[in-house]
Amino acid sequence: MKQENLILGKLVFFLMIAVLVYWLIKARSSEDTENPEDSNSEENTAPKSLEEMVRCAHCGVHLPRSESITSQGEFYCSNDHRLEHQDSSS
């Protein structure tokens, strides 16, 4: 009878340890997912700059101005579209 109580006591002890470890891991992982960029707090406070979007004069696709090709005041998504549009205009 004493041996059964000892085994049951050990089982309860290890079960409590397992629950505590699980709870700690779960609490830690939920903190990480809530604030994934805490280390970059300066980036969080500074607003991200928005870039102007332009429309390709040939196909109509919208793209950031920095990625476009400009020719004669018009924007193009690629050099091929710039050439095709200029050939069709003449």
PDB file of N, CA and C in Angstrom:
ATOM      1  N   MET A   1       0.819  -1.184   0.000  1.00  0.00           N
ATOM      2  CA  MET A   1       0.000   0.000   0.000  1.00  0.00           C
ATOM      3  C   MET A   1       0.868   1.255   0.000  1.00  0.00           C
ATOM      4  N   LYS A   2       1.958   1.264   0.826  1.00  0.00           N
ATOM      5  CA  LYS A   2       2.845   2.385   0.852  1.00  0.00           C
ATOM      6  C   LYS A   2       3.515   2.586  -0.504  1.00  0.00           C
ATOM      7  N   GLN A   3       3.882   1.500  -1.131  1.00  0.00           N
ATOM      8  CA  GLN A   3       4.574   1.574  -2.419  1.00  0.00           C
ATOM      9  C   GLN A   3       3.630   2.145  -3.484  1.00  0.00           C
ATOM     10  N   GLU A   4       2.351   1.796  -3.440  1.00  0.00           N
ATOM     11  CA  GLU A   4       1.378   2.327  -4.400  1.00  0.00           C
ATOM     12  C   GLU A   4       1.210   3.836  -4.205  1.00  0.00           C
ATOM     13  N   ASN A   5       1.157   4.282  -2.962  1.00  0.00           N
ATOM     14  CA  ASN A   5       1.040   5.720  -2.676  1.00  0.00           C
ATOM     15  C   ASN A   5       2.278   6.476  -3.152  1.00  0.00           C
ATOM     16  N   LEU A   6       3.460   5.867  -2.985  1.00  0.00           N
ATOM     17  CA  LEU A   6       4.699   6.479  -3.420  1.00  0.00           C
ATOM     18  C   LEU A   6       4.719   6.615  -4.943  1.00  0.00           C
ATOM     19  N   ILE A   7       4.302   5.600  -5.648  1.00  0.00           N
ATOM     20  CA  ILE A   7       4.252   5.625  -7.113  1.00  0.00           C
ATOM     21  C   ILE A   7       3.231   6.651  -7.579  1.00  0.00           C
ATOM     22  N   LEU A   8       2.069   6.662  -6.934  1.00  0.00           N
ATOM     23  CA  LEU A   8       1.035   7.633  -7.292  1.00  0.00           C
ATOM     24  C   LEU A   8       1.515   9.066  -7.027  1.00  0.00           C
ATOM     25  N   GLY A   9       2.213   9.285  -5.937  1.00  0.00           N
ATOM     26  CA  GLY A   9       2.752  10.597  -5.602  1.00  0.00           C
ATOM     27  C   GLY A   9       3.766  11.057  -6.643  1.00  0.00           C
ATOM     28  N   LYS A  10       4.651  10.161  -7.053  1.00  0.00           N
ATOM     29  CA  LYS A  10       5.628  10.497  -8.091  1.00  0.00           C
ATOM     30  C   LYS A  10       4.944  10.814  -9.411  1.00  0.00           C
ATOM     31  N   LEU A  11       3.924  10.056  -9.741  1.00  0.00           N
ATOM     32  CA  LEU A  11       3.188  10.274 -10.983  1.00  0.00           C
ATOM     33  C   LEU A  11       2.529  11.651 -10.980  1.00  0.00           C
ATOM     34  N   VAL A  12       1.898  12.017  -9.867  1.00  0.00           N
ATOM     35  CA  VAL A  12       1.260  13.327  -9.749  1.00  0.00           C
ATOM     36  C   VAL A  12       2.322  14.422  -9.822  1.00  0.00           C
ATOM     37  N   PHE A  13       3.453  14.248  -9.176  1.00  0.00           N
ATOM     38  CA  PHE A  13       4.523  15.236  -9.204  1.00  0.00           C
ATOM     39  C   PHE A  13       5.011  15.472 -10.626  1.00  0.00           C
ATOM     40  N   PHE A  14       5.316  14.412 -11.353  1.00  0.00           N
ATOM     41  CA  PHE A  14       5.815  14.568 -12.718  1.00  0.00           C
ATOM     42  C   PHE A  14       4.745  15.128 -13.657  1.00  0.00           C
ATOM     43  N   LEU A  15       3.509  14.800 -13.405  1.00  0.00           N
ATOM     44  CA  LEU A  15       2.419  15.359 -14.205  1.00  0.00           C
ATOM     45  C   LEU A  15       2.317  16.866 -13.976  1.00  0.00           C
ATOM     46  N   MET A  16       2.477  17.296 -12.728  1.00  0.00           N
ATOM     47  CA  MET A  16       2.439  18.725 -12.437  1.00  0.00           C
ATOM     48  C   MET A  16       3.620  19.452 -13.089  1.00  0.00           C
ATOM     49  N   ILE A  17       4.777  18.852 -13.078  1.00  0.00           N
ATOM     50  CA  ILE A  17       5.950  19.439 -13.734  1.00  0.00           C
ATOM     51  C   ILE A  17       5.706  19.562 -15.230  1.00  0.00           C
ATOM     52  N   ALA A  18       5.140  18.536 -15.847  1.00  0.00           N
ATOM     53  CA  ALA A  18       4.868  18.556 -17.287  1.00  0.00           C
ATOM     54  C   ALA A  18       3.869  19.654 -17.640  1.00  0.00           C
ATOM     55  N   VAL A  19       2.830  19.811 -16.820  1.00  0.00           N
ATOM     56  CA  VAL A  19       1.834  20.853 -17.055  1.00  0.00           C
ATOM     57  C   VAL A  19       2.482  22.234 -16.909  1.00  0.00           C
ATOM     58  N   LEU A  20       3.336  22.411 -15.916  1.00  0.00           N
ATOM     59  CA  LEU A  20       4.016  23.687 -15.713  1.00  0.00           C
ATOM     60  C   LEU A  20       4.928  24.022 -16.898  1.00  0.00           C
ATOM     61  N   VAL A  21       5.676  23.056 -17.377  1.00  0.00           N
ATOM     62  CA  VAL A  21       6.550  23.277 -18.536  1.00  0.00           C
ATOM     63  C   VAL A  21       5.715  23.618 -19.764  1.00  0.00           C
ATOM     64  N   TYR A  22       4.641  22.899 -19.993  1.00  0.00           N
ATOM     65  CA  TYR A  22       3.757  23.181 -21.138  1.00  0.00           C
ATOM     66  C   TYR A  22       3.199  24.599 -21.046  1.00  0.00           C
ATOM     67  N   TRP A  23       2.757  24.999 -19.871  1.00  0.00           N
ATOM     68  CA  TRP A  23       2.183  26.327 -19.676  1.00  0.00           C
ATOM     69  C   TRP A  23       3.228  27.417 -19.936  1.00  0.00           C
ATOM     70  N   LEU A  24       4.460  27.209 -19.462  1.00  0.00           N
ATOM     71  CA  LEU A  24       5.525  28.180 -19.680  1.00  0.00           C
ATOM     72  C   LEU A  24       5.868  28.306 -21.166  1.00  0.00           C
ATOM     73  N   ILE A  25       5.953  27.194 -21.864  1.00  0.00           N
ATOM     74  CA  ILE A  25       6.268  27.216 -23.293  1.00  0.00           C
ATOM     75  C   ILE A  25       5.159  27.913 -24.060  1.00  0.00           C
ATOM     76  N   LYS A  26       3.924  27.602 -23.736  1.00  0.00           N
ATOM     77  CA  LYS A  26       2.788  28.215 -24.430  1.00  0.00           C
ATOM     78  C   LYS A  26       2.742  29.724 -24.173  1.00  0.00           C
ATOM     79  N   ALA A  27       2.968  30.151 -22.947  1.00  0.00           N
ATOM     80  CA  ALA A  27       2.955  31.574 -22.619  1.00  0.00           C
ATOM     81  C   ALA A  27       4.093  32.292 -23.344  1.00  0.00           C
ATOM     82  N   ARG A  28       5.229  31.685 -23.435  1.00  0.00           N
ATOM     83  CA  ARG A  28       6.384  32.301 -24.114  1.00  0.00           C
ATOM     84  C   ARG A  28       6.139  32.421 -25.616  1.00  0.00           C
ATOM     85  N   SER A  29       5.558  31.384 -26.214  1.00  0.00           N
ATOM     86  CA  SER A  29       5.324  31.436 -27.659  1.00  0.00           C
ATOM     87  C   SER A  29       4.221  32.430 -28.008  1.00  0.00           C
ATOM     88  N   SER A  30       3.242  32.614 -27.147  1.00  0.00           N
ATOM     89  CA  SER A  30       2.193  33.591 -27.439  1.00  0.00           C
ATOM     90  C   SER A  30       2.740  35.011 -27.347  1.00  0.00           C
ATOM     91  N   GLU A  31       3.698  35.261 -26.474  1.00  0.00           N
ATOM     92  CA  GLU A  31       4.341  36.578 -26.405  1.00  0.00           C
ATOM     93  C   GLU A  31       5.131  36.856 -27.680  1.00  0.00           C
ATOM     94  N   ASP A  32       5.791  35.851 -28.225  1.00  0.00           N
ATOM     95  CA  ASP A  32       6.581  36.023 -29.439  1.00  0.00           C
ATOM     96  C   ASP A  32       5.706  36.327 -30.641  1.00  0.00           C
ATOM     97  N   THR A  33       4.526  35.733 -30.723  1.00  0.00           N
ATOM     98  CA  THR A  33       3.666  35.968 -31.879  1.00  0.00           C
ATOM     99  C   THR A  33       2.927  37.295 -31.782  1.00  0.00           C
ATOM    100  N   GLU A  34       2.707  37.797 -30.565  1.00  0.00           N
ATOM    101  CA  GLU A  34       2.015  39.071 -30.417  1.00  0.00           C
ATOM    102  C   GLU A  34       2.895  40.247 -30.803  1.00  0.00           C
ATOM    103  N   ASN A  35       4.175  40.205 -30.492  1.00  0.00           N
ATOM    104  CA  ASN A  35       5.098  41.305 -30.774  1.00  0.00           C
ATOM    105  C   ASN A  35       6.341  40.771 -31.483  1.00  0.00           C
ATOM    106  N   PRO A  36       6.243  40.377 -32.746  1.00  0.00           N
ATOM    107  CA  PRO A  36       7.390  39.773 -33.405  1.00  0.00           C
ATOM    108  C   PRO A  36       8.508  40.757 -33.705  1.00  0.00           C
ATOM    109  N   GLU A  37       8.234  42.069 -33.708  1.00  0.00           N
ATOM    110  CA  GLU A  37       9.259  43.030 -34.075  1.00  0.00           C
ATOM    111  C   GLU A  37       9.607  43.976 -32.926  1.00  0.00           C
ATOM    112  N   ASP A  38       9.565  43.464 -31.699  1.00  0.00           N
ATOM    113  CA  ASP A  38       9.902  44.310 -30.556  1.00  0.00           C
ATOM    114  C   ASP A  38      11.343  44.786 -30.631  1.00  0.00           C
ATOM    115  N   SER A  39      12.237  43.986 -31.196  1.00  0.00           N
ATOM    116  CA  SER A  39      13.632  44.389 -31.277  1.00  0.00           C
ATOM    117  C   SER A  39      13.827  45.543 -32.239  1.00  0.00           C
ATOM    118  N   ASN A  40      12.907  45.743 -33.175  1.00  0.00           N
ATOM    119  CA  ASN A  40      12.989  46.843 -34.136  1.00  0.00           C
ATOM    120  C   ASN A  40      11.962  47.909 -33.789  1.00  0.00           C
ATOM    121  N   SER A  41      11.990  48.396 -32.550  1.00  0.00           N
ATOM    122  CA  SER A  41      10.962  49.342 -32.117  1.00  0.00           C
ATOM    123  C   SER A  41      11.041  50.651 -32.879  1.00  0.00           C
ATOM    124  N   GLU A  42      12.230  51.040 -33.369  1.00  0.00           N
ATOM    125  CA  GLU A  42      12.339  52.271 -34.148  1.00  0.00           C
ATOM    126  C   GLU A  42      11.572  52.162 -35.448  1.00  0.00           C
ATOM    127  N   GLU A  43      11.596  50.988 -36.053  1.00  0.00           N
ATOM    128  CA  GLU A  43      10.874  50.790 -37.302  1.00  0.00           C
ATOM    129  C   GLU A  43       9.362  50.835 -37.074  1.00  0.00           C
ATOM    130  N   ASN A  44       8.911  50.387 -35.915  1.00  0.00           N
ATOM    131  CA  ASN A  44       7.479  50.386 -35.630  1.00  0.00           C
ATOM    132  C   ASN A  44       6.938  51.799 -35.465  1.00  0.00           C
ATOM    133  N   THR A  45       7.737  52.705 -34.928  1.00  0.00           N
ATOM    134  CA  THR A  45       7.247  54.048 -34.686  1.00  0.00           C
ATOM    135  C   THR A  45       7.345  54.927 -35.923  1.00  0.00           C
ATOM    136  N   ALA A  46       8.305  54.650 -36.795  1.00  0.00           N
ATOM    137  CA  ALA A  46       8.464  55.473 -37.993  1.00  0.00           C
ATOM    138  C   ALA A  46       7.489  54.998 -39.073  1.00  0.00           C
ATOM    139  N   PRO A  47       6.745  55.931 -39.676  1.00  0.00           N
ATOM    140  CA  PRO A  47       5.825  55.511 -40.739  1.00  0.00           C
ATOM    141  C   PRO A  47       6.604  55.085 -41.984  1.00  0.00           C
ATOM    142  N   LYS A  48       6.105  54.059 -42.630  1.00  0.00           N
ATOM    143  CA  LYS A  48       6.747  53.598 -43.858  1.00  0.00           C
ATOM    144  C   LYS A  48       6.356  54.531 -44.988  1.00  0.00           C
ATOM    145  N   SER A  49       7.334  54.865 -45.810  1.00  0.00           N
ATOM    146  CA  SER A  49       7.049  55.779 -46.908  1.00  0.00           C
ATOM    147  C   SER A  49       6.257  55.047 -47.988  1.00  0.00           C
ATOM    148  N   LEU A  50       5.292  55.744 -48.524  1.00  0.00           N
ATOM    149  CA  LEU A  50       4.476  55.188 -49.591  1.00  0.00           C
ATOM    150  C   LEU A  50       5.036  55.655 -50.915  1.00  0.00           C
ATOM    151  N   GLU A  51       5.072  54.764 -51.870  1.00  0.00           N
ATOM    152  CA  GLU A  51       5.615  55.109 -53.168  1.00  0.00           C
ATOM    153  C   GLU A  51       4.484  55.314 -54.160  1.00  0.00           C
ATOM    154  N   GLU A  52       4.662  56.268 -55.034  1.00  0.00           N
ATOM    155  CA  GLU A  52       3.664  56.558 -56.047  1.00  0.00           C
ATOM    156  C   GLU A  52       3.582  55.395 -57.039  1.00  0.00           C
ATOM    157  N   MET A  53       2.365  55.020 -57.381  1.00  0.00           N
ATOM    158  CA  MET A  53       2.137  53.979 -58.380  1.00  0.00           C
ATOM    159  C   MET A  53       1.854  54.653 -59.713  1.00  0.00           C
ATOM    160  N   VAL A  54       2.381  54.068 -60.785  1.00  0.00           N
ATOM    161  CA  VAL A  54       2.157  54.604 -62.131  1.00  0.00           C
ATOM    162  C   VAL A  54       1.589  53.496 -63.007  1.00  0.00           C
ATOM    163  N   ARG A  55       1.017  53.889 -64.126  1.00  0.00           N
ATOM    164  CA  ARG A  55       0.361  52.938 -65.026  1.00  0.00           C
ATOM    165  C   ARG A  55       1.165  52.831 -66.313  1.00  0.00           C
ATOM    166  N   CYS A  56       1.408  51.611 -66.752  1.00  0.00           N
ATOM    167  CA  CYS A  56       2.122  51.373 -68.011  1.00  0.00           C
ATOM    168  C   CYS A  56       1.260  51.913 -69.155  1.00  0.00           C
ATOM    169  N   ALA A  57       1.859  52.750 -70.013  1.00  0.00           N
ATOM    170  CA  ALA A  57       1.128  53.351 -71.134  1.00  0.00           C
ATOM    171  C   ALA A  57       0.757  52.318 -72.186  1.00  0.00           C
ATOM    172  N   HIS A  58       1.419  51.160 -72.174  1.00  0.00           N
ATOM    173  CA  HIS A  58       1.150  50.134 -73.190  1.00  0.00           C
ATOM    174  C   HIS A  58       0.093  49.121 -72.731  1.00  0.00           C
ATOM    175  N   CYS A  59       0.306  48.532 -71.555  1.00  0.00           N
ATOM    176  CA  CYS A  59      -0.591  47.444 -71.121  1.00  0.00           C
ATOM    177  C   CYS A  59      -1.520  47.830 -69.972  1.00  0.00           C
ATOM    178  N   GLY A  60      -1.242  48.943 -69.278  1.00  0.00           N
ATOM    179  CA  GLY A  60      -2.121  49.389 -68.207  1.00  0.00           C
ATOM    180  C   GLY A  60      -1.812  48.831 -66.834  1.00  0.00           C
ATOM    181  N   VAL A  61      -0.750  48.047 -66.703  1.00  0.00           N
ATOM    182  CA  VAL A  61      -0.384  47.477 -65.406  1.00  0.00           C
ATOM    183  C   VAL A  61       0.125  48.588 -64.498  1.00  0.00           C
ATOM    184  N   HIS A  62      -0.285  48.538 -63.225  1.00  0.00           N
ATOM    185  CA  HIS A  62       0.196  49.506 -62.238  1.00  0.00           C
ATOM    186  C   HIS A  62       1.434  48.945 -61.549  1.00  0.00           C
ATOM    187  N   LEU A  63       2.448  49.803 -61.362  1.00  0.00           N
ATOM    188  CA  LEU A  63       3.677  49.387 -60.718  1.00  0.00           C
ATOM    189  C   LEU A  63       4.284  50.594 -59.996  1.00  0.00           C
ATOM    190  N   PRO A  64       5.178  50.343 -59.029  1.00  0.00           N
ATOM    191  CA  PRO A  64       5.818  51.458 -58.334  1.00  0.00           C
ATOM    192  C   PRO A  64       6.642  52.298 -59.310  1.00  0.00           C
ATOM    193  N   ARG A  65       6.648  53.580 -59.086  1.00  0.00           N
ATOM    194  CA  ARG A  65       7.354  54.496 -59.992  1.00  0.00           C
ATOM    195  C   ARG A  65       8.828  54.139 -60.112  1.00  0.00           C
ATOM    196  N   SER A  66       9.453  53.692 -59.010  1.00  0.00           N
ATOM    197  CA  SER A  66      10.877  53.356 -59.029  1.00  0.00           C
ATOM    198  C   SER A  66      11.180  52.140 -59.911  1.00  0.00           C
ATOM    199  N   GLU A  67      10.195  51.305 -60.172  1.00  0.00           N
ATOM    200  CA  GLU A  67      10.400  50.120 -61.004  1.00  0.00           C
ATOM    201  C   GLU A  67      10.001  50.356 -62.459  1.00  0.00           C
ATOM    202  N   SER A  68       9.471  51.527 -62.751  1.00  0.00           N
ATOM    203  CA  SER A  68       9.001  51.800 -64.113  1.00  0.00           C
ATOM    204  C   SER A  68      10.118  52.371 -64.976  1.00  0.00           C
ATOM    205  N   ILE A  69       9.884  52.332 -66.273  1.00  0.00           N
ATOM    206  CA  ILE A  69      10.777  52.953 -67.249  1.00  0.00           C
ATOM    207  C   ILE A  69      10.039  54.166 -67.788  1.00  0.00           C
ATOM    208  N   THR A  70      10.703  55.321 -67.753  1.00  0.00           N
ATOM    209  CA  THR A  70      10.072  56.569 -68.191  1.00  0.00           C
ATOM    210  C   THR A  70      10.659  56.979 -69.533  1.00  0.00           C
ATOM    211  N   SER A  71       9.784  57.324 -70.443  1.00  0.00           N
ATOM    212  CA  SER A  71      10.222  57.809 -71.753  1.00  0.00           C
ATOM    213  C   SER A  71       9.195  58.800 -72.271  1.00  0.00           C
ATOM    214  N   GLN A  72       9.649  59.978 -72.617  1.00  0.00           N
ATOM    215  CA  GLN A  72       8.807  61.031 -73.165  1.00  0.00           C
ATOM    216  C   GLN A  72       7.587  61.325 -72.271  1.00  0.00           C
ATOM    217  N   GLY A  73       7.823  61.309 -70.969  1.00  0.00           N
ATOM    218  CA  GLY A  73       6.779  61.648 -70.003  1.00  0.00           C
ATOM    219  C   GLY A  73       5.787  60.532 -69.730  1.00  0.00           C
ATOM    220  N   GLU A  74       5.987  59.343 -70.292  1.00  0.00           N
ATOM    221  CA  GLU A  74       5.082  58.208 -70.048  1.00  0.00           C
ATOM    222  C   GLU A  74       5.854  57.109 -69.324  1.00  0.00           C
ATOM    223  N   PHE A  75       5.101  56.265 -68.624  1.00  0.00           N
ATOM    224  CA  PHE A  75       5.693  55.193 -67.837  1.00  0.00           C
ATOM    225  C   PHE A  75       5.407  53.848 -68.490  1.00  0.00           C
ATOM    226  N   TYR A  76       6.367  52.923 -68.360  1.00  0.00           N
ATOM    227  CA  TYR A  76       6.228  51.585 -68.942  1.00  0.00           C
ATOM    228  C   TYR A  76       6.715  50.553 -67.929  1.00  0.00           C
ATOM    229  N   CYS A  77       6.138  49.355 -68.006  1.00  0.00           N
ATOM    230  CA  CYS A  77       6.521  48.296 -67.071  1.00  0.00           C
ATOM    231  C   CYS A  77       7.772  47.558 -67.538  1.00  0.00           C
ATOM    232  N   SER A  78       8.104  47.658 -68.814  1.00  0.00           N
ATOM    233  CA  SER A  78       9.314  47.019 -69.333  1.00  0.00           C
ATOM    234  C   SER A  78       9.800  47.782 -70.560  1.00  0.00           C
ATOM    235  N   ASN A  79      11.049  47.522 -70.923  1.00  0.00           N
ATOM    236  CA  ASN A  79      11.614  48.165 -72.102  1.00  0.00           C
ATOM    237  C   ASN A  79      10.908  47.678 -73.367  1.00  0.00           C
ATOM    238  N   ASP A  80      10.494  46.407 -73.396  1.00  0.00           N
ATOM    239  CA  ASP A  80       9.754  45.875 -74.559  1.00  0.00           C
ATOM    240  C   ASP A  80       8.460  46.645 -74.773  1.00  0.00           C
ATOM    241  N   HIS A  81       7.732  46.930 -73.704  1.00  0.00           N
ATOM    242  CA  HIS A  81       6.486  47.680 -73.851  1.00  0.00           C
ATOM    243  C   HIS A  81       6.755  49.124 -74.281  1.00  0.00           C
ATOM    244  N   ARG A  82       7.866  49.692 -73.817  1.00  0.00           N
ATOM    245  CA  ARG A  82       8.218  51.035 -74.253  1.00  0.00           C
ATOM    246  C   ARG A  82       8.449  51.048 -75.769  1.00  0.00           C
ATOM    247  N   LEU A  83       9.219  50.064 -76.248  1.00  0.00           N
ATOM    248  CA  LEU A  83       9.507  50.000 -77.689  1.00  0.00           C
ATOM    249  C   LEU A  83       8.251  49.726 -78.505  1.00  0.00           C
ATOM    250  N   GLU A  84       7.423  48.783 -78.054  1.00  0.00           N
ATOM    251  CA  GLU A  84       6.184  48.455 -78.773  1.00  0.00           C
ATOM    252  C   GLU A  84       5.251  49.655 -78.824  1.00  0.00           C
ATOM    253  N   HIS A  85       5.127  50.377 -77.732  1.00  0.00           N
ATOM    254  CA  HIS A  85       4.232  51.530 -77.697  1.00  0.00           C
ATOM    255  C   HIS A  85       4.753  52.645 -78.616  1.00  0.00           C
ATOM    256  N   GLN A  86       6.041  52.854 -78.638  1.00  0.00           N
ATOM    257  CA  GLN A  86       6.607  53.888 -79.500  1.00  0.00           C
ATOM    258  C   GLN A  86       6.481  53.494 -80.975  1.00  0.00           C
ATOM    259  N   ASP A  87       6.620  52.177 -81.278  1.00  0.00           N
ATOM    260  CA  ASP A  87       6.471  51.723 -82.664  1.00  0.00           C
ATOM    261  C   ASP A  87       5.019  51.870 -83.121  1.00  0.00           C
ATOM    262  N   SER A  88       4.069  51.582 -82.224  1.00  0.00           N
ATOM    263  CA  SER A  88       2.659  51.684 -82.613  1.00  0.00           C
ATOM    264  C   SER A  88       2.185  53.131 -82.711  1.00  0.00           C
ATOM    265  N   SER A  89       2.873  54.035 -82.013  1.00  0.00           N
ATOM    266  CA  SER A  89       2.516  55.451 -82.048  1.00  0.00           C
ATOM    267  C   SER A  89       2.974  56.134 -83.334  1.00  0.00           C
ATOM    268  N   SER A  90       4.031  55.612 -83.961  1.00  0.00           N
ATOM    269  CA  SER A  90       4.555  56.278 -85.151  1.00  0.00           C
ATOM    270  C   SER A  90       3.914  55.822 -86.426  1.00  0.00           C
TER     271      SER A  90
END
